[in-house]
Amino acid sequence: MNEMRPSPVRSGASVAVALIFVLVLLFAINWAGSFLKPFALALFIIAVTWPLKSRLQRFMPSMLALALTLLSTIIIFFAFTMLVVWGFSRVATTFIGAAWQLQVAYQELTGWLSSKGITAATSLNDVFNVGLLVRTLQQITGQASTTLSFWLVVLAYVALGLAELDALRGKIDTLHNPQMAETMLRVARATSRKFARYMLVRTEMSALTGFLFWAVATILGLDYAVEWGVIAFALNYIPFIGSVIATVFPAAYGVIQFEHWQTALALFICLNLIQFTIGNYVEPLVSGSLLSISPFMVVFSIFFWTFMWGLFGTFLGVPIAIALLTICEETPSLAWLARLFGRAPPAETPAQRAVLELPAPDKKG
């Protein structure tokens, strides 16, 4: 007896409907970005802080554990923000006041290129669009005015989400489909573990990058060596874009400070070597394949979510990809996507599982 197979017309219609659904979904995500960005960031923070709250609930009531978790999150964020503001404010005034020296250095470079038969613009004004710069500064100023309200919304989401975790887990346990309930809990635990590992590796690599930037700046005699190290540490949390900014600014300042362009070029090369080595060799070696995500998916996620949500998308791109691939791993019909865009995680030792496994919530009120 011949098996029933879908006709080519029906298969083509299914593909077309799926593509239309994906396009409509992407349009909706982009259109609702102002609402979804704080919500997505709050989910990420909840996933990272969930283990801390669960461990605190072993020794104290859940409300006190919630309060301490929120307080720790606020303190860390405030300290990080003050560190970034201190680093940028220290170098900004000197950098802007001596920016005219960049014009002089640029004219010397164009003169040298002209002597070699290479035509280049003779003024930085021919390279940079001043109107675009003014509009960019206006956009940054406008975003700065909404920063406080944005983070207040995120904090409200985090507080409500952490408070509802135990109740949500109880609701999941009462589902009539035990297999679905177990899958949901397993996805939540795995995603939280991977987010924690992602942030741990990011912090370690950022600290290493900041230290090496400070060391190179000190050796070459660049002013504000500590500040450049702090800026590199902070910007390294933003994949690709942060690394580029952290390299270009100290190199440009080196053009202003040093009399010889060779020293500034050496600084630029050293800083790029640091970023390239850490980003392409050290960080993948440290994190291994625990995150189960391919390098292609990492790059695609960063650029795609940057296009969708701007700077917040740059930061959240990899966590979103990690979460989606974790869901695919636990869904039989989508497991092929996890195998295609992920990597098989290494076997965890009992000690690693004891550290990363989330404890059961305490019933204390």
Protein backbone atom coordinates (compact mmCIF):
# COMPACT_ATOMS: atom_id res chain seq x y z
CA MET A 1 0.00 0.00 0.00
CA ASN A 2 1.45 3.35 -1.03
CA GLU A 3 2.10 5.83 1.78
CA MET A 4 0.35 9.16 1.64
CA ARG A 5 2.83 11.91 0.87
CA PRO A 6 2.15 15.65 0.94
CA SER A 7 1.84 17.14 -2.51
CA PRO A 8 4.42 19.70 -3.68
CA VAL A 9 1.73 22.38 -3.74
CA ARG A 10 0.77 21.73 -0.11
CA SER A 11 4.43 21.69 0.98
CA GLY A 12 5.11 24.96 -0.83
CA ALA A 13 2.07 26.56 0.80
CA SER A 14 3.27 25.45 4.24
CA VAL A 15 6.70 26.97 3.64
CA ALA A 16 5.14 30.21 2.42
CA VAL A 17 2.88 30.42 5.48
CA ALA A 18 5.85 29.74 7.76
CA LEU A 19 7.92 32.49 6.10
CA ILE A 20 5.04 34.97 6.35
CA PHE A 21 4.62 34.11 10.03
CA VAL A 22 8.33 34.64 10.70
CA LEU A 23 8.34 38.00 8.88
CA VAL A 24 5.26 39.20 10.77
CA LEU A 25 6.81 38.05 14.06
CA LEU A 26 10.08 39.89 13.36
CA PHE A 27 8.18 43.03 12.41
CA ALA A 28 6.18 42.81 15.65
CA ILE A 29 9.36 42.33 17.72
CA ASN A 30 10.97 45.36 16.09
CA TRP A 31 7.82 47.48 16.43
CA ALA A 32 7.35 46.54 20.10
CA GLY A 33 11.02 47.03 20.96
CA SER A 34 10.36 49.79 23.49
CA PHE A 35 8.23 47.34 25.50
CA LEU A 36 10.18 44.13 24.87
CA LYS A 37 13.70 45.45 25.58
CA PRO A 38 13.20 46.07 29.32
CA PHE A 39 11.21 42.84 29.59
CA ALA A 40 13.93 40.77 27.88
CA LEU A 41 16.67 42.38 29.97
CA ALA A 42 14.66 41.71 33.12
CA LEU A 43 14.26 38.04 32.17
CA PHE A 44 18.01 37.79 31.69
CA ILE A 45 18.69 39.36 35.11
CA ILE A 46 16.10 37.08 36.73
CA ALA A 47 17.76 34.02 35.21
CA VAL A 48 21.19 35.13 36.46
CA THR A 49 20.04 36.06 39.99
CA TRP A 50 17.64 33.15 40.42
CA PRO A 51 20.34 30.82 41.86
CA LEU A 52 21.33 33.46 44.45
CA LYS A 53 17.76 33.86 45.67
CA SER A 54 17.26 30.09 45.78
CA ARG A 55 20.38 29.60 47.89
CA LEU A 56 19.47 32.44 50.25
CA GLN A 57 16.06 30.86 50.81
CA ARG A 58 17.80 27.93 52.47
CA PHE A 59 18.70 30.15 55.44
CA MET A 60 16.02 32.87 55.56
CA PRO A 61 12.42 33.67 54.57
CA SER A 62 11.75 34.11 50.88
CA MET A 63 10.87 37.82 51.15
CA LEU A 64 14.15 38.58 52.88
CA ALA A 65 16.01 36.54 50.25
CA LEU A 66 14.21 38.52 47.55
CA ALA A 67 15.16 41.84 49.17
CA LEU A 68 18.83 40.86 49.50
CA THR A 69 18.93 39.64 45.89
CA LEU A 70 17.47 42.90 44.61
CA LEU A 71 19.77 44.96 46.82
CA SER A 72 22.83 43.05 45.57
CA THR A 73 21.73 43.57 41.95
CA ILE A 74 21.25 47.31 42.47
CA ILE A 75 24.61 47.71 44.23
CA ILE A 76 26.48 45.86 41.48
CA PHE A 77 24.77 47.87 38.75
CA PHE A 78 25.37 51.18 40.56
CA ALA A 79 29.05 50.39 41.17
CA PHE A 80 29.52 49.38 37.54
CA THR A 81 27.82 52.57 36.30
CA MET A 82 29.92 54.80 38.56
CA LEU A 83 33.08 53.04 37.38
CA VAL A 84 32.20 53.68 33.73
CA VAL A 85 31.25 57.32 34.38
CA TRP A 86 34.50 57.88 36.28
CA GLY A 87 36.62 56.41 33.50
CA PHE A 88 34.98 58.36 30.67
CA SER A 89 34.77 61.65 32.58
CA ARG A 90 38.48 61.54 33.37
CA VAL A 91 39.57 61.34 29.74
CA ALA A 92 36.72 63.20 28.00
CA THR A 93 37.77 66.77 28.83
CA THR A 94 41.39 66.30 27.82
CA PHE A 95 40.40 64.33 24.73
CA ILE A 96 37.98 66.99 23.45
CA GLY A 97 40.30 69.89 24.28
CA ALA A 98 43.19 68.40 22.31
CA ALA A 99 41.15 67.01 19.43
CA TRP A 100 42.62 69.63 17.10
CA GLN A 101 45.85 67.63 17.19
CA LEU A 102 44.04 64.82 15.41
CA GLN A 103 43.52 67.21 12.49
CA VAL A 104 47.25 67.95 12.42
CA ALA A 105 48.14 64.27 12.53
CA TYR A 106 45.61 63.52 9.80
CA GLN A 107 47.04 66.23 7.55
CA GLU A 108 50.53 64.78 8.05
CA LEU A 109 49.21 61.34 7.11
CA THR A 110 47.44 62.62 3.98
CA GLY A 111 50.63 64.46 2.99
CA TRP A 112 52.65 61.26 3.32
CA LEU A 113 50.04 59.34 1.30
CA SER A 114 50.07 62.03 -1.40
CA SER A 115 53.83 61.68 -1.70
CA LYS A 116 53.26 57.99 -2.42
CA GLY A 117 50.67 58.77 -5.09
CA ILE A 118 47.62 57.99 -2.91
CA THR A 119 44.91 60.65 -2.88
CA ALA A 120 43.08 61.24 0.41
CA ALA A 121 40.82 63.89 1.91
CA THR A 122 42.81 66.82 3.28
CA SER A 123 40.47 67.59 6.15
CA LEU A 124 38.66 65.54 8.74
CA ASN A 125 35.57 67.54 7.78
CA ASP A 126 35.73 65.78 4.41
CA VAL A 127 35.63 62.43 6.21
CA PHE A 128 33.10 62.99 9.01
CA ASN A 129 29.62 64.33 8.48
CA VAL A 130 29.19 67.07 11.10
CA GLY A 131 25.40 67.01 10.77
CA LEU A 132 25.36 63.29 11.44
CA LEU A 133 27.55 63.82 14.50
CA VAL A 134 25.15 66.46 15.87
CA ARG A 135 22.14 64.21 15.31
CA THR A 136 23.94 61.34 17.01
CA LEU A 137 24.71 63.49 20.05
CA GLN A 138 21.06 64.58 20.18
CA GLN A 139 19.93 60.96 20.11
CA ILE A 140 22.34 60.04 22.89
CA THR A 141 21.10 62.97 24.98
CA GLY A 142 17.50 61.93 24.41
CA GLN A 143 18.24 58.35 25.41
CA ALA A 144 20.08 59.52 28.52
CA SER A 145 16.94 61.31 29.71
CA THR A 146 15.00 58.03 29.59
CA THR A 147 17.69 55.86 31.16
CA LEU A 148 16.36 56.19 34.70
CA SER A 149 12.79 55.33 33.72
CA PHE A 150 14.03 52.38 31.64
CA TRP A 151 15.94 50.86 34.56
CA LEU A 152 13.08 51.49 36.96
CA VAL A 153 10.85 49.45 34.65
CA VAL A 154 13.50 46.71 34.47
CA LEU A 155 13.85 46.68 38.26
CA ALA A 156 10.07 46.41 38.66
CA TYR A 157 10.00 43.45 36.27
CA VAL A 158 12.89 41.79 38.12
CA ALA A 159 11.26 42.25 41.54
CA LEU A 160 7.90 40.89 40.37
CA GLY A 161 9.51 38.04 38.45
CA LEU A 162 11.70 36.87 41.34
CA ALA A 163 8.74 37.11 43.72
CA GLU A 164 6.63 34.92 41.43
CA LEU A 165 9.24 32.24 40.74
CA ASP A 166 8.23 29.86 43.53
CA ALA A 167 4.53 30.24 42.75
CA LEU A 168 5.20 29.73 39.04
CA ARG A 169 7.15 26.58 39.77
CA GLY A 170 4.25 25.28 41.82
CA LYS A 171 1.84 26.00 38.97
CA ILE A 172 4.10 24.17 36.52
CA ASP A 173 4.21 21.14 38.83
CA THR A 174 0.39 20.97 38.79
CA LEU A 175 0.11 20.80 35.02
CA HIS A 176 -1.84 17.81 33.71
CA ASN A 177 1.05 17.01 31.38
CA PRO A 178 3.93 15.90 33.67
CA GLN A 179 6.32 15.54 30.75
CA MET A 180 5.74 19.13 29.66
CA ALA A 181 6.16 20.35 33.23
CA GLU A 182 9.46 18.51 33.60
CA THR A 183 10.66 19.87 30.24
CA MET A 184 9.83 23.45 31.21
CA LEU A 185 11.70 23.15 34.51
CA ARG A 186 14.66 21.49 32.81
CA VAL A 187 14.84 24.28 30.19
CA ALA A 188 14.67 26.94 32.93
CA ARG A 189 17.48 25.34 34.94
CA ALA A 190 19.69 24.78 31.89
CA THR A 191 19.16 28.34 30.62
CA SER A 192 19.94 29.81 34.03
CA ARG A 193 23.14 27.77 34.30
CA LYS A 194 24.27 28.86 30.84
CA PHE A 195 23.48 32.51 31.52
CA ALA A 196 25.49 32.35 34.74
CA ARG A 197 28.41 30.76 32.91
CA TYR A 198 28.15 33.36 30.12
CA MET A 199 28.32 36.27 32.58
CA LEU A 200 31.11 34.63 34.57
CA VAL A 201 33.25 34.16 31.48
CA ARG A 202 32.41 37.69 30.27
CA THR A 203 33.48 39.15 33.61
CA GLU A 204 36.73 37.17 33.69
CA MET A 205 37.62 38.12 30.12
CA SER A 206 36.67 41.77 30.70
CA ALA A 207 38.90 41.90 33.78
CA LEU A 208 41.78 40.33 31.85
CA THR A 209 41.27 42.75 28.95
CA GLY A 210 41.20 45.76 31.27
CA PHE A 211 44.37 44.64 33.04
CA LEU A 212 46.26 44.11 29.77
CA PHE A 213 45.08 47.49 28.43
CA TRP A 214 46.36 49.14 31.62
CA ALA A 215 49.69 47.28 31.31
CA VAL A 216 50.24 48.27 27.66
CA ALA A 217 49.24 51.89 28.31
CA THR A 218 51.62 52.03 31.29
CA ILE A 219 54.53 50.53 29.38
CA LEU A 220 54.08 52.89 26.42
CA GLY A 221 53.58 55.91 28.71
CA LEU A 222 49.98 56.69 27.70
CA ASP A 223 48.21 59.07 30.07
CA TYR A 224 45.19 57.83 32.04
CA ALA A 225 46.33 54.20 31.91
CA VAL A 226 43.99 53.16 34.73
CA GLU A 227 41.06 54.91 33.08
CA TRP A 228 41.67 53.18 29.75
CA GLY A 229 41.78 49.84 31.56
CA VAL A 230 38.47 50.59 33.29
CA ILE A 231 36.86 51.63 29.98
CA ALA A 232 38.11 48.44 28.29
CA PHE A 233 36.74 46.36 31.17
CA ALA A 234 33.30 47.96 30.90
CA LEU A 235 32.99 47.99 27.11
CA ASN A 236 34.11 44.38 26.77
CA TYR A 237 30.66 43.33 28.02
CA ILE A 238 29.29 44.58 24.69
CA PRO A 239 30.45 42.08 22.04
CA PHE A 240 32.34 43.41 19.00
CA ILE A 241 31.14 47.02 19.17
CA GLY A 242 32.48 47.57 22.68
CA SER A 243 35.82 46.03 21.75
CA VAL A 244 36.19 48.33 18.74
CA ILE A 245 35.39 51.45 20.76
CA ALA A 246 37.73 50.40 23.58
CA THR A 247 40.57 50.08 21.06
CA VAL A 248 39.99 53.15 18.89
CA PHE A 249 39.69 55.77 21.64
CA PRO A 250 43.01 55.12 23.43
CA ALA A 251 44.75 54.82 20.06
CA ALA A 252 43.31 58.19 18.99
CA TYR A 253 44.43 59.68 22.29
CA GLY A 254 47.87 58.25 21.63
CA VAL A 255 47.96 60.25 18.38
CA ILE A 256 47.25 63.37 20.46
CA GLN A 257 49.77 62.65 23.18
CA PHE A 258 52.76 61.13 21.40
CA GLU A 259 54.94 63.15 19.08
CA HIS A 260 55.68 60.20 16.82
CA TRP A 261 52.90 58.37 15.02
CA GLN A 262 54.91 55.15 15.30
CA THR A 263 54.19 55.00 19.04
CA ALA A 264 50.48 55.52 18.48
CA LEU A 265 50.52 52.82 15.80
CA ALA A 266 52.30 50.43 18.17
CA LEU A 267 49.66 51.15 20.80
CA PHE A 268 46.87 50.49 18.30
CA ILE A 269 48.44 47.19 17.19
CA CYS A 270 49.01 46.00 20.77
CA LEU A 271 45.46 46.76 21.85
CA ASN A 272 44.00 45.00 18.81
CA LEU A 273 46.22 41.97 19.45
CA ILE A 274 44.87 41.82 22.99
CA GLN A 275 41.26 41.98 21.81
CA PHE A 276 41.86 39.46 19.02
CA THR A 277 43.67 36.94 21.22
CA ILE A 278 41.21 37.08 24.09
CA GLY A 279 38.09 37.16 21.90
CA ASN A 280 39.14 34.41 19.49
CA TYR A 281 41.29 32.08 21.59
CA VAL A 282 41.25 32.64 25.35
CA GLU A 283 37.52 33.16 25.84
CA PRO A 284 36.43 30.14 23.72
CA LEU A 285 39.04 28.03 25.55
CA VAL A 286 37.78 29.11 28.98
CA SER A 287 34.08 28.76 28.22
CA GLY A 288 34.59 25.64 26.10
CA SER A 289 31.39 24.37 24.53
CA LEU A 290 29.37 24.56 27.74
CA LEU A 291 27.07 27.16 26.16
CA SER A 292 26.34 24.80 23.25
CA ILE A 293 26.34 27.54 20.63
CA SER A 294 28.38 27.76 17.45
CA PRO A 295 30.58 30.78 16.62
CA PHE A 296 28.43 31.47 13.55
CA MET A 297 25.32 31.68 15.70
CA VAL A 298 27.12 34.03 18.11
CA VAL A 299 28.08 36.47 15.35
CA PHE A 300 24.68 36.25 13.65
CA SER A 301 22.82 36.83 16.92
CA ILE A 302 24.90 39.89 17.80
CA PHE A 303 24.40 41.62 14.45
CA PHE A 304 20.77 40.59 14.05
CA TRP A 305 19.67 41.83 17.47
CA THR A 306 21.79 44.95 17.10
CA PHE A 307 19.79 45.69 13.96
CA MET A 308 16.53 44.99 15.80
CA TRP A 309 17.14 46.69 19.16
CA GLY A 310 20.34 48.71 18.89
CA LEU A 311 22.85 48.63 21.77
CA PHE A 312 20.61 46.56 24.03
CA GLY A 313 20.30 44.02 21.23
CA THR A 314 24.08 43.82 21.01
CA PHE A 315 24.27 42.87 24.68
CA LEU A 316 21.25 40.54 24.69
CA GLY A 317 21.87 38.86 21.32
CA VAL A 318 23.96 35.96 22.64
CA PRO A 319 21.75 35.30 25.71
CA ILE A 320 18.66 35.20 23.47
CA ALA A 321 20.39 32.71 21.16
CA ILE A 322 21.45 30.59 24.16
CA ALA A 323 17.87 30.50 25.45
CA LEU A 324 16.38 29.60 22.06
CA LEU A 325 18.90 26.81 21.45
CA THR A 326 18.29 25.44 24.95
CA ILE A 327 14.56 25.24 24.16
CA CYS A 328 15.40 23.46 20.90
CA GLU A 329 17.57 20.94 22.77
CA GLU A 330 14.63 19.93 24.95
CA THR A 331 12.05 19.84 22.14
CA PRO A 332 12.29 16.64 20.05
CA SER A 333 10.87 18.25 16.91
CA LEU A 334 13.40 21.10 17.12
CA ALA A 335 16.43 19.16 18.33
CA TRP A 336 17.93 19.26 14.84
CA LEU A 337 18.27 23.05 15.14
CA ALA A 338 20.24 22.65 18.36
CA ARG A 339 22.55 20.16 16.66
CA LEU A 340 22.91 22.41 13.61
CA PHE A 341 23.66 25.71 15.38
CA GLY A 342 25.03 24.41 18.67
CA ARG A 343 27.81 22.25 19.95
CA ALA A 344 27.60 19.22 22.15
CA PRO A 345 28.35 20.25 25.75
CA PRO A 346 31.14 18.45 27.60
CA ALA A 347 30.31 16.02 30.35
CA GLU A 348 30.06 17.84 33.67
CA THR A 349 31.82 16.50 36.73
CA PRO A 350 29.80 15.94 39.93
CA ALA A 351 31.50 18.97 41.47
CA GLN A 352 30.46 21.19 38.56
CA ARG A 353 26.88 19.93 38.75
CA ALA A 354 26.80 20.66 42.47
CA VAL A 355 27.89 24.25 41.82
CA LEU A 356 25.63 24.95 38.84
CA GLU A 357 22.49 23.00 39.81
CA LEU A 358 19.74 25.17 41.24
CA PRO A 359 18.57 24.18 44.72
CA ALA A 360 14.92 23.53 45.43
CA PRO A 361 13.12 26.55 46.88
CA ASP A 362 12.49 26.63 50.61
CA LYS A 363 8.91 26.72 51.81
CA LYS A 364 9.62 29.37 54.42
CA GLY A 365 7.36 32.37 54.11
